[in-house]
């Protein structure tokens, strides 16, 4: 992993704010604070992506409700495939 270097291009007011936030968040320094911000943004974008995908599925007519019966059918299919695979190995 490469090292993050944050150039000192912030205004004094913003620099003081970043220093204060880093201290409040328990970060060792400003770079660690920026890394923490980037990680949080990354997680947010992933969550937003999956929320959009779920909403698309819900709004479409092709989504399948996950009921106990649905999972029973999946388990049965998996069991059949495992049995068929094991039977093929013993021949």
PDB file of N, CA and C in Angstrom:
ATOM      1  N   UNK A   1       0.845  -1.173   0.000  1.00  0.00           N
ATOM      2  CA  UNK A   1       0.000   0.000   0.000  1.00  0.00           C
ATOM      3  C   UNK A   1       0.890   1.235   0.000  1.00  0.00           C
ATOM      4  N   UNK A   2       0.540   2.215  -0.786  1.00  0.00           N
ATOM      5  CA  UNK A   2       1.337   3.429  -0.853  1.00  0.00           C
ATOM      6  C   UNK A   2       0.991   4.369   0.299  1.00  0.00           C
ATOM      7  N   UNK A   3       1.901   5.275   0.576  1.00  0.00           N
ATOM      8  CA  UNK A   3       1.714   6.240   1.650  1.00  0.00           C
ATOM      9  C   UNK A   3       0.954   7.441   1.121  1.00  0.00           C
ATOM     10  N   UNK A   4       0.027   7.919   1.904  1.00  0.00           N
ATOM     11  CA  UNK A   4      -0.753   9.102   1.543  1.00  0.00           C
ATOM     12  C   UNK A   4      -0.037  10.340   2.067  1.00  0.00           C
ATOM     13  N   UNK A   5       0.219  11.266   1.183  1.00  0.00           N
ATOM     14  CA  UNK A   5       0.809  12.533   1.584  1.00  0.00           C
ATOM     15  C   UNK A   5      -0.187  13.627   1.251  1.00  0.00           C
ATOM     16  N   UNK A   6      -0.572  14.388   2.257  1.00  0.00           N
ATOM     17  CA  UNK A   6      -1.526  15.472   2.060  1.00  0.00           C
ATOM     18  C   UNK A   6      -0.748  16.775   2.048  1.00  0.00           C
ATOM     19  N   UNK A   7      -0.757  17.459   0.909  1.00  0.00           N
ATOM     20  CA  UNK A   7      -0.025  18.729   0.864  1.00  0.00           C
ATOM     21  C   UNK A   7      -0.716  19.778   1.733  1.00  0.00           C
ATOM     22  N   UNK A   8       0.047  20.696   2.225  1.00  0.00           N
ATOM     23  CA  UNK A   8      -0.483  21.774   3.074  1.00  0.00           C
ATOM     24  C   UNK A   8      -1.013  22.895   2.192  1.00  0.00           C
ATOM     25  N   UNK A   9      -2.208  22.665   1.621  1.00  0.00           N
ATOM     26  CA  UNK A   9      -2.815  23.682   0.769  1.00  0.00           C
ATOM     27  C   UNK A   9      -4.102  24.220   1.379  1.00  0.00           C
ATOM     28  N   UNK A  10      -4.364  23.820   2.607  1.00  0.00           N
ATOM     29  CA  UNK A  10      -5.583  24.256   3.268  1.00  0.00           C
ATOM     30  C   UNK A  10      -5.408  25.662   3.830  1.00  0.00           C
ATOM     31  N   UNK A  11      -6.489  26.385   3.897  1.00  0.00           N
ATOM     32  CA  UNK A  11      -6.433  27.685   4.560  1.00  0.00           C
ATOM     33  C   UNK A  11      -6.155  27.442   6.041  1.00  0.00           C
ATOM     34  N   UNK A  12      -5.735  28.453   6.730  1.00  0.00           N
ATOM     35  CA  UNK A  12      -5.419  28.285   8.147  1.00  0.00           C
ATOM     36  C   UNK A  12      -6.649  27.828   8.925  1.00  0.00           C
ATOM     37  N   UNK A  13      -7.796  28.408   8.619  1.00  0.00           N
ATOM     38  CA  UNK A  13      -9.032  28.040   9.316  1.00  0.00           C
ATOM     39  C   UNK A  13      -9.368  26.580   9.065  1.00  0.00           C
ATOM     40  N   UNK A  14      -9.250  26.152   7.805  1.00  0.00           N
ATOM     41  CA  UNK A  14      -9.560  24.769   7.468  1.00  0.00           C
ATOM     42  C   UNK A  14      -8.532  23.813   8.063  1.00  0.00           C
ATOM     43  N   UNK A  15      -7.270  24.230   8.057  1.00  0.00           N
ATOM     44  CA  UNK A  15      -6.210  23.419   8.648  1.00  0.00           C
ATOM     45  C   UNK A  15      -6.468  23.213  10.138  1.00  0.00           C
ATOM     46  N   UNK A  16      -6.858  24.267  10.837  1.00  0.00           N
ATOM     47  CA  UNK A  16      -7.165  24.153  12.265  1.00  0.00           C
ATOM     48  C   UNK A  16      -8.356  23.232  12.484  1.00  0.00           C
ATOM     49  N   UNK A  17      -9.353  23.345  11.604  1.00  0.00           N
ATOM     50  CA  UNK A  17     -10.525  22.482  11.705  1.00  0.00           C
ATOM     51  C   UNK A  17     -10.123  21.011  11.545  1.00  0.00           C
ATOM     52  N   UNK A  18      -9.303  20.719  10.540  1.00  0.00           N
ATOM     53  CA  UNK A  18      -8.862  19.336  10.297  1.00  0.00           C
ATOM     54  C   UNK A  18      -8.071  18.819  11.491  1.00  0.00           C
ATOM     55  N   UNK A  19      -7.189  19.631  12.037  1.00  0.00           N
ATOM     56  CA  UNK A  19      -6.423  19.218  13.219  1.00  0.00           C
ATOM     57  C   UNK A  19      -7.362  18.899  14.379  1.00  0.00           C
ATOM     58  N   UNK A  20      -8.354  19.750  14.586  1.00  0.00           N
ATOM     59  CA  UNK A  20      -9.313  19.545  15.679  1.00  0.00           C
ATOM     60  C   UNK A  20     -10.126  18.259  15.449  1.00  0.00           C
ATOM     61  N   UNK A  21     -10.597  18.071  14.223  1.00  0.00           N
ATOM     62  CA  UNK A  21     -11.389  16.879  13.919  1.00  0.00           C
ATOM     63  C   UNK A  21     -10.551  15.614  14.095  1.00  0.00           C
ATOM     64  N   UNK A  22      -9.310  15.665  13.646  1.00  0.00           N
ATOM     65  CA  UNK A  22      -8.419  14.506  13.788  1.00  0.00           C
ATOM     66  C   UNK A  22      -8.263  14.150  15.259  1.00  0.00           C
ATOM     67  N   UNK A  23      -8.069  15.163  16.088  1.00  0.00           N
ATOM     68  CA  UNK A  23      -7.925  14.921  17.528  1.00  0.00           C
ATOM     69  C   UNK A  23      -9.209  14.353  18.116  1.00  0.00           C
ATOM     70  N   UNK A  24     -10.346  14.932  17.737  1.00  0.00           N
ATOM     71  CA  UNK A  24     -11.637  14.462  18.267  1.00  0.00           C
ATOM     72  C   UNK A  24     -11.944  13.027  17.836  1.00  0.00           C
ATOM     73  N   UNK A  25     -11.509  12.669  16.638  1.00  0.00           N
ATOM     74  CA  UNK A  25     -11.758  11.316  16.125  1.00  0.00           C
ATOM     75  C   UNK A  25     -10.726  10.305  16.611  1.00  0.00           C
ATOM     76  N   UNK A  26      -9.743  10.780  17.350  1.00  0.00           N
ATOM     77  CA  UNK A  26      -8.721   9.879  17.885  1.00  0.00           C
ATOM     78  C   UNK A  26      -7.685   9.452  16.858  1.00  0.00           C
ATOM     79  N   UNK A  27      -7.514  10.254  15.814  1.00  0.00           N
ATOM     80  CA  UNK A  27      -6.536   9.948  14.775  1.00  0.00           C
ATOM     81  C   UNK A  27      -5.151  10.442  15.201  1.00  0.00           C
ATOM     82  N   UNK A  28      -4.143   9.712  14.781  1.00  0.00           N
ATOM     83  CA  UNK A  28      -2.772  10.074  15.152  1.00  0.00           C
ATOM     84  C   UNK A  28      -2.345  11.391  14.523  1.00  0.00           C
ATOM     85  N   UNK A  29      -2.818  11.654  13.316  1.00  0.00           N
ATOM     86  CA  UNK A  29      -2.472  12.900  12.635  1.00  0.00           C
ATOM     87  C   UNK A  29      -3.508  13.190  11.561  1.00  0.00           C
ATOM     88  N   UNK A  30      -3.269  14.262  10.816  1.00  0.00           N
ATOM     89  CA  UNK A  30      -4.233  14.673   9.797  1.00  0.00           C
ATOM     90  C   UNK A  30      -4.346  13.646   8.670  1.00  0.00           C
ATOM     91  N   UNK A  31      -3.227  13.019   8.318  1.00  0.00           N
ATOM     92  CA  UNK A  31      -3.265  11.999   7.262  1.00  0.00           C
ATOM     93  C   UNK A  31      -4.167  10.839   7.661  1.00  0.00           C
ATOM     94  N   UNK A  32      -4.072  10.424   8.910  1.00  0.00           N
ATOM     95  CA  UNK A  32      -4.920   9.337   9.390  1.00  0.00           C
ATOM     96  C   UNK A  32      -6.391   9.753   9.362  1.00  0.00           C
ATOM     97  N   UNK A  33      -6.644  11.010   9.632  1.00  0.00           N
ATOM     98  CA  UNK A  33      -8.017  11.528   9.571  1.00  0.00           C
ATOM     99  C   UNK A  33      -8.548  11.471   8.141  1.00  0.00           C
ATOM    100  N   UNK A  34      -7.712  11.882   7.171  1.00  0.00           N
ATOM    101  CA  UNK A  34      -8.141  11.819   5.775  1.00  0.00           C
ATOM    102  C   UNK A  34      -8.386  10.381   5.328  1.00  0.00           C
ATOM    103  N   UNK A  35      -7.564   9.459   5.800  1.00  0.00           N
ATOM    104  CA  UNK A  35      -7.773   8.046   5.483  1.00  0.00           C
ATOM    105  C   UNK A  35      -9.109   7.584   6.056  1.00  0.00           C
ATOM    106  N   UNK A  36      -9.389   7.988   7.285  1.00  0.00           N
ATOM    107  CA  UNK A  36     -10.664   7.625   7.915  1.00  0.00           C
ATOM    108  C   UNK A  36     -11.841   8.191   7.129  1.00  0.00           C
ATOM    109  N   UNK A  37     -11.720   9.423   6.663  1.00  0.00           N
ATOM    110  CA  UNK A  37     -12.773  10.028   5.847  1.00  0.00           C
ATOM    111  C   UNK A  37     -12.960   9.263   4.535  1.00  0.00           C
ATOM    112  N   UNK A  38     -11.855   8.898   3.901  1.00  0.00           N
ATOM    113  CA  UNK A  38     -11.925   8.166   2.629  1.00  0.00           C
ATOM    114  C   UNK A  38     -12.573   6.803   2.830  1.00  0.00           C
ATOM    115  N   UNK A  39     -12.224   6.112   3.913  1.00  0.00           N
ATOM    116  CA  UNK A  39     -12.838   4.810   4.192  1.00  0.00           C
ATOM    117  C   UNK A  39     -14.335   4.942   4.421  1.00  0.00           C
ATOM    118  N   UNK A  40     -14.731   5.963   5.151  1.00  0.00           N
ATOM    119  CA  UNK A  40     -16.158   6.189   5.415  1.00  0.00           C
ATOM    120  C   UNK A  40     -16.900   6.488   4.114  1.00  0.00           C
ATOM    121  N   UNK A  41     -16.292   7.276   3.247  1.00  0.00           N
ATOM    122  CA  UNK A  41     -16.915   7.604   1.962  1.00  0.00           C
ATOM    123  C   UNK A  41     -17.019   6.358   1.087  1.00  0.00           C
ATOM    124  N   UNK A  42     -15.994   5.538   1.112  1.00  0.00           N
ATOM    125  CA  UNK A  42     -16.002   4.289   0.350  1.00  0.00           C
ATOM    126  C   UNK A  42     -17.139   3.386   0.811  1.00  0.00           C
ATOM    127  N   UNK A  43     -17.293   3.222   2.113  1.00  0.00           N
ATOM    128  CA  UNK A  43     -18.387   2.412   2.661  1.00  0.00           C
ATOM    129  C   UNK A  43     -19.745   2.992   2.279  1.00  0.00           C
ATOM    130  N   UNK A  44     -19.866   4.321   2.324  1.00  0.00           N
ATOM    131  CA  UNK A  44     -21.128   4.967   1.973  1.00  0.00           C
ATOM    132  C   UNK A  44     -21.490   4.706   0.517  1.00  0.00           C
ATOM    133  N   UNK A  45     -20.498   4.800  -0.364  1.00  0.00           N
ATOM    134  CA  UNK A  45     -20.765   4.577  -1.784  1.00  0.00           C
ATOM    135  C   UNK A  45     -21.166   3.134  -2.048  1.00  0.00           C
ATOM    136  N   UNK A  46     -20.536   2.195  -1.366  1.00  0.00           N
ATOM    137  CA  UNK A  46     -20.914   0.783  -1.518  1.00  0.00           C
ATOM    138  C   UNK A  46     -22.338   0.577  -1.030  1.00  0.00           C
ATOM    139  N   UNK A  47     -22.666   1.125   0.139  1.00  0.00           N
ATOM    140  CA  UNK A  47     -24.021   1.000   0.682  1.00  0.00           C
ATOM    141  C   UNK A  47     -25.045   1.621  -0.268  1.00  0.00           C
ATOM    142  N   UNK A  48     -24.730   2.803  -0.795  1.00  0.00           N
ATOM    143  CA  UNK A  48     -25.639   3.466  -1.735  1.00  0.00           C
ATOM    144  C   UNK A  48     -25.856   2.620  -2.987  1.00  0.00           C
ATOM    145  N   UNK A  49     -24.788   2.013  -3.477  1.00  0.00           N
ATOM    146  CA  UNK A  49     -24.902   1.165  -4.664  1.00  0.00           C
ATOM    147  C   UNK A  49     -25.869   0.007  -4.397  1.00  0.00           C
ATOM    148  N   UNK A  50     -25.678  -0.688  -3.286  1.00  0.00           N
ATOM    149  CA  UNK A  50     -26.539  -1.830  -2.988  1.00  0.00           C
ATOM    150  C   UNK A  50     -27.973  -1.402  -2.701  1.00  0.00           C
ATOM    151  N   UNK A  51     -28.150  -0.259  -2.076  1.00  0.00           N
ATOM    152  CA  UNK A  51     -29.508   0.242  -1.853  1.00  0.00           C
ATOM    153  C   UNK A  51     -30.199   0.526  -3.185  1.00  0.00           C
ATOM    154  N   UNK A  52     -29.468   1.112  -4.144  1.00  0.00           N
ATOM    155  CA  UNK A  52     -30.051   1.360  -5.477  1.00  0.00           C
ATOM    156  C   UNK A  52     -30.412   0.053  -6.169  1.00  0.00           C
ATOM    157  N   UNK A  53     -29.526  -0.938  -6.063  1.00  0.00           N
ATOM    158  CA  UNK A  53     -29.785  -2.228  -6.700  1.00  0.00           C
ATOM    159  C   UNK A  53     -30.999  -2.919  -6.082  1.00  0.00           C
ATOM    160  N   UNK A  54     -31.121  -2.846  -4.777  1.00  0.00           N
ATOM    161  CA  UNK A  54     -32.287  -3.444  -4.110  1.00  0.00           C
ATOM    162  C   UNK A  54     -33.558  -2.723  -4.539  1.00  0.00           C
ATOM    163  N   UNK A  55     -33.508  -1.397  -4.593  1.00  0.00           N
ATOM    164  CA  UNK A  55     -34.692  -0.647  -5.020  1.00  0.00           C
ATOM    165  C   UNK A  55     -35.075  -0.982  -6.457  1.00  0.00           C
ATOM    166  N   UNK A  56     -34.085  -1.149  -7.334  1.00  0.00           N
ATOM    167  CA  UNK A  56     -34.382  -1.541  -8.714  1.00  0.00           C
ATOM    168  C   UNK A  56     -35.077  -2.892  -8.735  1.00  0.00           C
ATOM    169  N   UNK A  57     -34.590  -3.818  -7.924  1.00  0.00           N
ATOM    170  CA  UNK A  57     -35.190  -5.156  -7.879  1.00  0.00           C
ATOM    171  C   UNK A  57     -36.615  -5.102  -7.342  1.00  0.00           C
ATOM    172  N   UNK A  58     -36.829  -4.316  -6.299  1.00  0.00           N
ATOM    173  CA  UNK A  58     -38.157  -4.203  -5.707  1.00  0.00           C
ATOM    174  C   UNK A  58     -39.135  -3.573  -6.693  1.00  0.00           C
ATOM    175  N   UNK A  59     -38.665  -2.560  -7.422  1.00  0.00           N
ATOM    176  CA  UNK A  59     -39.537  -1.856  -8.353  1.00  0.00           C
ATOM    177  C   UNK A  59     -39.788  -2.635  -9.638  1.00  0.00           C
ATOM    178  N   UNK A  60     -38.974  -3.649  -9.895  1.00  0.00           N
ATOM    179  CA  UNK A  60     -39.185  -4.467 -11.086  1.00  0.00           C
ATOM    180  C   UNK A  60     -40.227  -5.540 -10.774  1.00  0.00           C
ATOM    181  N   UNK A  61     -40.691  -6.187 -11.810  1.00  0.00           N
ATOM    182  CA  UNK A  61     -41.673  -7.262 -11.630  1.00  0.00           C
ATOM    183  C   UNK A  61     -41.002  -8.621 -11.515  1.00  0.00           C
ATOM    184  N   UNK A  62     -39.687  -8.647 -11.441  1.00  0.00           N
ATOM    185  CA  UNK A  62     -38.974  -9.924 -11.469  1.00  0.00           C
ATOM    186  C   UNK A  62     -38.418 -10.356 -10.119  1.00  0.00           C
ATOM    187  N   UNK A  63     -38.644  -9.595  -9.094  1.00  0.00           N
ATOM    188  CA  UNK A  63     -38.056  -9.959  -7.806  1.00  0.00           C
ATOM    189  C   UNK A  63     -38.824 -11.116  -7.188  1.00  0.00           C
ATOM    190  N   UNK A  64     -38.103 -11.886  -6.380  1.00  0.00           N
ATOM    191  CA  UNK A  64     -38.656 -13.080  -5.754  1.00  0.00           C
ATOM    192  C   UNK A  64     -38.661 -12.868  -4.247  1.00  0.00           C
ATOM    193  N   UNK A  65     -39.809 -13.056  -3.597  1.00  0.00           N
ATOM    194  CA  UNK A  65     -39.814 -12.927  -2.132  1.00  0.00           C
ATOM    195  C   UNK A  65     -39.064 -14.109  -1.503  1.00  0.00           C
ATOM    196  N   UNK A  66     -38.219 -13.822  -0.547  1.00  0.00           N
ATOM    197  CA  UNK A  66     -37.457 -14.869   0.122  1.00  0.00           C
ATOM    198  C   UNK A  66     -38.258 -15.402   1.303  1.00  0.00           C
ATOM    199  N   UNK A  67     -39.017 -16.438   1.038  1.00  0.00           N
ATOM    200  CA  UNK A  67     -39.845 -17.073   2.057  1.00  0.00           C
ATOM    201  C   UNK A  67     -39.147 -18.335   2.545  1.00  0.00           C
ATOM    202  N   UNK A  68     -39.598 -18.909   3.637  1.00  0.00           N
ATOM    203  CA  UNK A  68     -39.020 -20.186   4.074  1.00  0.00           C
ATOM    204  C   UNK A  68     -39.114 -21.259   2.986  1.00  0.00           C
ATOM    205  N   UNK A  69     -40.209 -21.257   2.225  1.00  0.00           N
ATOM    206  CA  UNK A  69     -40.373 -22.226   1.141  1.00  0.00           C
ATOM    207  C   UNK A  69     -39.285 -22.040   0.080  1.00  0.00           C
ATOM    208  N   UNK A  70     -38.959 -20.802  -0.229  1.00  0.00           N
ATOM    209  CA  UNK A  70     -37.912 -20.498  -1.201  1.00  0.00           C
ATOM    210  C   UNK A  70     -36.590 -21.133  -0.763  1.00  0.00           C
ATOM    211  N   UNK A  71     -36.222 -20.952   0.505  1.00  0.00           N
ATOM    212  CA  UNK A  71     -34.967 -21.512   1.004  1.00  0.00           C
ATOM    213  C   UNK A  71     -35.025 -23.029   1.082  1.00  0.00           C
ATOM    214  N   UNK A  72     -36.175 -23.599   1.388  1.00  0.00           N
ATOM    215  CA  UNK A  72     -36.319 -25.057   1.382  1.00  0.00           C
ATOM    216  C   UNK A  72     -36.048 -25.624  -0.004  1.00  0.00           C
ATOM    217  N   UNK A  73     -36.553 -24.941  -1.036  1.00  0.00           N
ATOM    218  CA  UNK A  73     -36.321 -25.393  -2.412  1.00  0.00           C
ATOM    219  C   UNK A  73     -34.846 -25.304  -2.775  1.00  0.00           C
ATOM    220  N   UNK A  74     -34.188 -24.238  -2.351  1.00  0.00           N
ATOM    221  CA  UNK A  74     -32.752 -24.104  -2.628  1.00  0.00           C
ATOM    222  C   UNK A  74     -31.978 -25.215  -1.927  1.00  0.00           C
ATOM    223  N   UNK A  75     -32.298 -25.471  -0.663  1.00  0.00           N
ATOM    224  CA  UNK A  75     -31.608 -26.545   0.074  1.00  0.00           C
ATOM    225  C   UNK A  75     -31.800 -27.891  -0.613  1.00  0.00           C
ATOM    226  N   UNK A  76     -33.007 -28.135  -1.084  1.00  0.00           N
ATOM    227  CA  UNK A  76     -33.293 -29.407  -1.764  1.00  0.00           C
ATOM    228  C   UNK A  76     -32.454 -29.525  -3.038  1.00  0.00           C
ATOM    229  N   UNK A  77     -32.347 -28.457  -3.807  1.00  0.00           N
ATOM    230  CA  UNK A  77     -31.543 -28.489  -5.032  1.00  0.00           C
ATOM    231  C   UNK A  77     -30.070 -28.722  -4.721  1.00  0.00           C
ATOM    232  N   UNK A  78     -29.575 -28.048  -3.699  1.00  0.00           N
ATOM    233  CA  UNK A  78     -28.171 -28.222  -3.314  1.00  0.00           C
ATOM    234  C   UNK A  78     -27.929 -29.663  -2.868  1.00  0.00           C
ATOM    235  N   UNK A  79     -28.843 -30.196  -2.080  1.00  0.00           N
ATOM    236  CA  UNK A  79     -28.713 -31.585  -1.613  1.00  0.00           C
ATOM    237  C   UNK A  79     -28.707 -32.549  -2.788  1.00  0.00           C
ATOM    238  N   UNK A  80     -29.584 -32.339  -3.764  1.00  0.00           N
ATOM    239  CA  UNK A  80     -29.626 -33.201  -4.949  1.00  0.00           C
ATOM    240  C   UNK A  80     -28.310 -33.147  -5.712  1.00  0.00           C
ATOM    241  N   UNK A  81     -27.772 -31.956  -5.883  1.00  0.00           N
ATOM    242  CA  UNK A  81     -26.502 -31.812  -6.608  1.00  0.00           C
ATOM    243  C   UNK A  81     -25.358 -32.473  -5.856  1.00  0.00           C
ATOM    244  N   UNK A  82     -25.339 -32.309  -4.532  1.00  0.00           N
ATOM    245  CA  UNK A  82     -24.293 -32.967  -3.739  1.00  0.00           C
ATOM    246  C   UNK A  82     -24.381 -34.472  -3.834  1.00  0.00           C
ATOM    247  N   UNK A  83     -25.586 -34.995  -3.757  1.00  0.00           N
ATOM    248  CA  UNK A  83     -25.786 -36.442  -3.865  1.00  0.00           C
ATOM    249  C   UNK A  83     -25.366 -36.946  -5.240  1.00  0.00           C
ATOM    250  N   UNK A  84     -25.723 -36.213  -6.286  1.00  0.00           N
ATOM    251  CA  UNK A  84     -25.348 -36.598  -7.652  1.00  0.00           C
ATOM    252  C   UNK A  84     -23.841 -36.545  -7.816  1.00  0.00           C
ATOM    253  N   UNK A  85     -23.203 -35.530  -7.243  1.00  0.00           N
ATOM    254  CA  UNK A  85     -21.754 -35.405  -7.340  1.00  0.00           C
ATOM    255  C   UNK A  85     -21.061 -36.538  -6.590  1.00  0.00           C
ATOM    256  N   UNK A  86     -21.575 -36.866  -5.400  1.00  0.00           N
ATOM    257  CA  UNK A  86     -20.982 -37.955  -4.615  1.00  0.00           C
ATOM    258  C   UNK A  86     -21.200 -39.299  -5.299  1.00  0.00           C
ATOM    259  N   UNK A  87     -22.357 -39.487  -5.910  1.00  0.00           N
ATOM    260  CA  UNK A  87     -22.643 -40.735  -6.621  1.00  0.00           C
ATOM    261  C   UNK A  87     -21.696 -40.880  -7.820  1.00  0.00           C
ATOM    262  N   UNK A  88     -21.383 -39.778  -8.464  1.00  0.00           N
ATOM    263  CA  UNK A  88     -20.472 -39.806  -9.606  1.00  0.00           C
ATOM    264  C   UNK A  88     -19.061 -40.141  -9.201  1.00  0.00           C
ATOM    265  N   UNK A  89     -18.656 -39.795  -8.008  1.00  0.00           N
ATOM    266  CA  UNK A  89     -17.297 -40.082  -7.528  1.00  0.00           C
ATOM    267  C   UNK A  89     -17.138 -41.546  -7.152  1.00  0.00           C
ATOM    268  N   UNK A  90     -18.211 -42.192  -6.715  1.00  0.00           N
ATOM    269  CA  UNK A  90     -18.106 -43.567  -6.251  1.00  0.00           C
ATOM    270  C   UNK A  90     -18.164 -44.566  -7.403  1.00  0.00           C
ATOM    271  N   UNK A  91     -18.526 -44.103  -8.575  1.00  0.00           N
ATOM    272  CA  UNK A  91     -18.603 -45.029  -9.737  1.00  0.00           C
ATOM    273  C   UNK A  91     -17.249 -45.293 -10.308  1.00  0.00           C
TER     274      UNK A  91
END
